[in-house]
Protein backbone atom coordinates (compact mmCIF):
# COMPACT_ATOMS: atom_id res chain seq x y z
CA MET A 1 142.67 115.55 169.94
CA PRO A 2 145.78 117.69 169.31
CA MET A 3 145.87 119.93 166.28
CA LEU A 4 148.90 121.26 164.42
CA TYR A 5 149.32 125.05 164.37
CA PHE A 6 151.91 127.16 162.56
CA PHE A 7 153.02 130.53 163.92
CA ASN A 8 154.27 132.59 160.95
CA ILE A 9 155.74 136.07 161.16
CA ILE A 10 154.45 138.49 158.53
CA GLU A 11 156.23 141.81 157.97
CA GLY A 12 154.46 143.68 155.20
CA SER A 13 154.98 141.53 152.10
CA VAL A 14 157.64 139.32 153.73
CA GLU A 15 156.62 136.04 155.37
CA ILE A 16 158.84 134.09 157.76
CA PRO A 17 157.15 130.69 157.97
CA ASP A 18 157.16 128.39 160.96
CA PRO A 19 158.72 125.29 159.36
CA GLU A 20 157.66 122.74 161.99
CA GLY A 21 154.48 123.92 163.64
CA THR A 22 153.34 122.94 167.12
CA ASP A 23 150.82 120.31 168.20
CA LEU A 24 148.47 121.83 170.74
CA PRO A 25 145.55 120.27 172.61
CA SER A 26 142.99 123.02 171.95
CA TRP A 27 142.17 126.31 170.26
CA GLU A 28 142.58 128.01 173.63
CA ALA A 29 146.10 126.59 173.92
CA ALA A 30 146.89 127.97 170.44
CA GLN A 31 145.69 131.42 171.53
CA GLU A 32 147.86 131.27 174.65
CA GLU A 33 150.87 130.11 172.61
CA ALA A 34 150.38 132.95 170.09
CA ALA A 35 150.25 135.54 172.87
CA ALA A 36 153.40 134.05 174.44
CA VAL A 37 155.26 134.12 171.10
CA VAL A 38 154.33 137.78 170.54
CA ARG A 39 155.52 138.70 174.05
CA GLU A 40 158.78 136.81 173.54
CA LEU A 41 159.47 138.41 170.15
CA SER A 42 158.74 141.88 171.51
CA ARG A 43 161.09 141.32 174.45
CA GLU A 44 163.92 139.70 172.51
CA PHE A 45 163.88 142.15 169.61
CA PRO A 46 162.79 145.56 170.95
CA GLY A 47 162.23 148.09 168.18
CA ARG A 48 162.64 145.40 165.49
CA PHE A 49 159.02 145.07 164.42
CA GLY A 50 157.03 147.80 162.70
CA SER A 51 153.34 148.59 162.55
CA ARG A 52 152.78 146.05 159.76
CA SER A 53 154.29 143.10 161.64
CA VAL A 54 151.93 140.33 162.74
CA LEU A 55 152.07 136.79 164.03
CA GLU A 56 149.78 134.72 161.84
CA VAL A 57 148.35 131.48 163.23
CA VAL A 58 147.53 128.83 160.61
CA THR A 59 146.11 125.35 161.17
CA GLY A 60 147.76 122.25 159.79
CA CYS A 61 145.16 122.26 156.99
CA GLY A 62 146.24 125.77 155.94
CA ARG A 63 143.37 127.76 157.46
CA ARG A 64 144.37 131.16 158.85
CA VAL A 65 142.67 131.46 162.23
CA MET A 66 144.31 134.45 163.90
CA ALA A 67 146.70 137.35 163.38
CA LEU A 68 148.19 139.25 166.31
CA PRO A 69 150.17 142.47 165.93
CA ILE A 70 153.78 142.29 167.07
CA ARG A 71 154.53 145.50 168.87
CA GLY A 72 157.94 147.05 168.51
CA HIS A 73 158.32 147.72 172.23
CA TRP A 74 157.63 145.65 175.32
CA TYR A 75 156.55 147.18 178.60
CA SER A 76 156.42 145.12 181.76
CA LEU A 77 153.87 146.02 184.41
CA THR A 78 155.53 143.84 187.04
C-alpha cells in the first residue's frame, strides 16, 4: 500500500516544505527517493547548502522518519 512522504529542506531555523509530497510504495523507496533528492540538490546548487542543511523526510501523518545532510559540493566518481 503506497504511503505519502514529504521531503522538506531544513536550513538552520528555516524550513522549505514540500507542498505536495510523493506517494511511494515502500519505506525503501522513500529512502532511495531521499538520496536521489539530496544528490540532485547538491548537483544543481553547488556551494548553496551549508553544514546545517538537511533533507527531512516526513510521513503523511506528520512523523519525521529521516534526515539526510545536504552537502554543499557534489563529487562524481564516474
